[in-house]
Amino acid sequence: MTQHWSIDLSFEEDGTRTACKASLSGPNAPGVQAMGVARRSPGDTPDAKIGEELAAARACSDLAHELVDRAAEDVESHTHRPADIAM
């Protein structure tokens, strides 16, 4: 059995702040979403690519934590004991 999940990243920028929403999609993907934000310091030269990279990295990191938390909940529902899942 092969599963395929895709991570979708969408961005919103306002000149000093870049927000990224990460979500999983696919036939059996869990409905997990996460956010990441990057802020440009006033003295920095504007560069949308840097803000997008940082916001995406933070959103993907948050997404990973959400998936680990969901997996821990699933383990606990099966074992009826606290899950010991490290990230």
C-alpha atoms as a PDB file:
ATOM      1  CA  MET A   1       0.000   0.000   0.000  1.00  0.00           C
ATOM      2  CA  THR A   2       1.421   3.344  -1.037  1.00  0.00           C
ATOM      3  CA  GLN A   3       0.373   6.594   0.591  1.00  0.00           C
ATOM      4  CA  HIS A   4       1.048  10.018  -0.866  1.00  0.00           C
ATOM      5  CA  TRP A   5       0.676  13.252   1.071  1.00  0.00           C
ATOM      6  CA  SER A   6       1.532  16.687  -0.256  1.00  0.00           C
ATOM      7  CA  ILE A   7       2.482  19.734   1.762  1.00  0.00           C
ATOM      8  CA  ASP A   8       0.832  22.880   0.438  1.00  0.00           C
ATOM      9  CA  LEU A   9       2.408  26.221   1.346  1.00  0.00           C
ATOM     10  CA  SER A  10       0.596  29.516   0.869  1.00  0.00           C
ATOM     11  CA  PHE A  11       2.039  32.932   1.655  1.00  0.00           C
ATOM     12  CA  GLU A  12       0.782  36.377   2.601  1.00  0.00           C
ATOM     13  CA  GLU A  13       3.143  39.342   2.677  1.00  0.00           C
ATOM     14  CA  ASP A  14       2.653  42.938   3.770  1.00  0.00           C
ATOM     15  CA  GLY A  15       6.117  44.433   3.282  1.00  0.00           C
ATOM     16  CA  THR A  16       7.547  43.753   6.738  1.00  0.00           C
ATOM     17  CA  ARG A  17       5.878  40.463   7.597  1.00  0.00           C
ATOM     18  CA  THR A  18       5.527  37.166   5.722  1.00  0.00           C
ATOM     19  CA  ALA A  19       3.072  34.513   6.908  1.00  0.00           C
ATOM     20  CA  CYS A  20       2.992  30.962   5.611  1.00  0.00           C
ATOM     21  CA  LYS A  21       0.231  28.406   6.046  1.00  0.00           C
ATOM     22  CA  ALA A  22       1.296  24.772   5.640  1.00  0.00           C
ATOM     23  CA  SER A  23      -1.294  22.067   5.190  1.00  0.00           C
ATOM     24  CA  LEU A  24      -1.304  18.409   4.250  1.00  0.00           C
ATOM     25  CA  SER A  25      -3.396  17.171   1.371  1.00  0.00           C
ATOM     26  CA  GLY A  26      -4.033  13.740  -0.036  1.00  0.00           C
ATOM     27  CA  PRO A  27      -6.705  11.040   0.064  1.00  0.00           C
ATOM     28  CA  ASN A  28      -5.814   9.813   3.580  1.00  0.00           C
ATOM     29  CA  ALA A  29      -3.858  12.789   4.892  1.00  0.00           C
ATOM     30  CA  PRO A  30      -4.834  14.016   8.353  1.00  0.00           C
ATOM     31  CA  GLY A  31      -6.395  17.452   8.442  1.00  0.00           C
ATOM     32  CA  VAL A  32      -3.343  19.159   9.896  1.00  0.00           C
ATOM     33  CA  GLN A  33      -2.420  22.796   9.304  1.00  0.00           C
ATOM     34  CA  ALA A  34       0.266  25.030  10.753  1.00  0.00           C
ATOM     35  CA  MET A  35       1.487  28.617  10.515  1.00  0.00           C
ATOM     36  CA  GLY A  36       4.878  30.251  10.340  1.00  0.00           C
ATOM     37  CA  VAL A  37       5.735  33.943  10.391  1.00  0.00           C
ATOM     38  CA  ALA A  38       8.851  35.943   9.525  1.00  0.00           C
ATOM     39  CA  ARG A  39       9.311  39.627  10.273  1.00  0.00           C
ATOM     40  CA  ARG A  40      11.811  41.903   8.592  1.00  0.00           C
ATOM     41  CA  SER A  41      13.799  44.221  10.817  1.00  0.00           C
ATOM     42  CA  PRO A  42      13.329  47.889   9.860  1.00  0.00           C
ATOM     43  CA  GLY A  43      16.986  48.260   8.870  1.00  0.00           C
ATOM     44  CA  ASP A  44      17.089  45.180   6.633  1.00  0.00           C
ATOM     45  CA  THR A  45      16.876  45.364   2.860  1.00  0.00           C
ATOM     46  CA  PRO A  46      13.542  43.964   1.637  1.00  0.00           C
ATOM     47  CA  ASP A  47      13.897  40.472   0.155  1.00  0.00           C
ATOM     48  CA  ALA A  48      10.662  38.478  -0.182  1.00  0.00           C
ATOM     49  CA  LYS A  49      12.550  35.221  -0.789  1.00  0.00           C
ATOM     50  CA  ILE A  50      14.200  35.318   2.652  1.00  0.00           C
ATOM     51  CA  GLY A  51      10.878  35.995   4.381  1.00  0.00           C
ATOM     52  CA  GLU A  52       9.207  33.170   2.467  1.00  0.00           C
ATOM     53  CA  GLU A  53      12.017  30.723   3.282  1.00  0.00           C
ATOM     54  CA  LEU A  54      11.946  31.527   6.983  1.00  0.00           C
ATOM     55  CA  ALA A  55       8.144  31.562   7.251  1.00  0.00           C
ATOM     56  CA  ALA A  56       7.937  28.252   5.331  1.00  0.00           C
ATOM     57  CA  ALA A  57      10.575  26.653   7.562  1.00  0.00           C
ATOM     58  CA  ARG A  58       8.679  27.721  10.671  1.00  0.00           C
ATOM     59  CA  ALA A  59       5.359  26.506   9.262  1.00  0.00           C
ATOM     60  CA  CYS A  60       6.841  23.126   8.308  1.00  0.00           C
ATOM     61  CA  SER A  61       8.438  22.782  11.739  1.00  0.00           C
ATOM     62  CA  ASP A  62       5.086  23.530  13.376  1.00  0.00           C
ATOM     63  CA  LEU A  63       3.421  21.054  11.003  1.00  0.00           C
ATOM     64  CA  ALA A  64       5.895  18.357  12.091  1.00  0.00           C
ATOM     65  CA  HIS A  65       5.095  19.033  15.753  1.00  0.00           C
ATOM     66  CA  GLU A  66       1.365  18.855  15.033  1.00  0.00           C
ATOM     67  CA  LEU A  67       1.851  15.450  13.367  1.00  0.00           C
ATOM     68  CA  VAL A  68       3.911  14.140  16.297  1.00  0.00           C
ATOM     69  CA  ASP A  69       1.218  15.326  18.728  1.00  0.00           C
ATOM     70  CA  ARG A  70      -1.459  13.612  16.647  1.00  0.00           C
ATOM     71  CA  ALA A  71       0.571  10.383  16.511  1.00  0.00           C
ATOM     72  CA  ALA A  72       1.033  10.504  20.297  1.00  0.00           C
ATOM     73  CA  GLU A  73      -2.725  10.879  20.755  1.00  0.00           C
ATOM     74  CA  ASP A  74      -3.309   7.888  18.470  1.00  0.00           C
ATOM     75  CA  VAL A  75      -0.777   5.758  20.366  1.00  0.00           C
ATOM     76  CA  GLU A  76      -2.398   6.711  23.678  1.00  0.00           C
ATOM     77  CA  SER A  77      -5.853   5.825  22.369  1.00  0.00           C
ATOM     78  CA  HIS A  78      -4.580   2.340  21.468  1.00  0.00           C
ATOM     79  CA  THR A  79      -2.432   1.654  24.527  1.00  0.00           C
ATOM     80  CA  HIS A  80      -4.371   3.653  27.157  1.00  0.00           C
ATOM     81  CA  ARG A  81      -1.001   4.861  28.471  1.00  0.00           C
ATOM     82  CA  PRO A  82       0.967   8.069  27.943  1.00  0.00           C
ATOM     83  CA  ALA A  83       2.965   7.968  24.710  1.00  0.00           C
ATOM     84  CA  ASP A  84       6.721   8.492  24.904  1.00  0.00           C
ATOM     85  CA  ILE A  85       7.369   9.993  21.475  1.00  0.00           C
ATOM     86  CA  ALA A  86      10.364  12.266  21.120  1.00  0.00           C
ATOM     87  CA  MET A  87      10.864  14.714  18.305  1.00  0.00           C
END
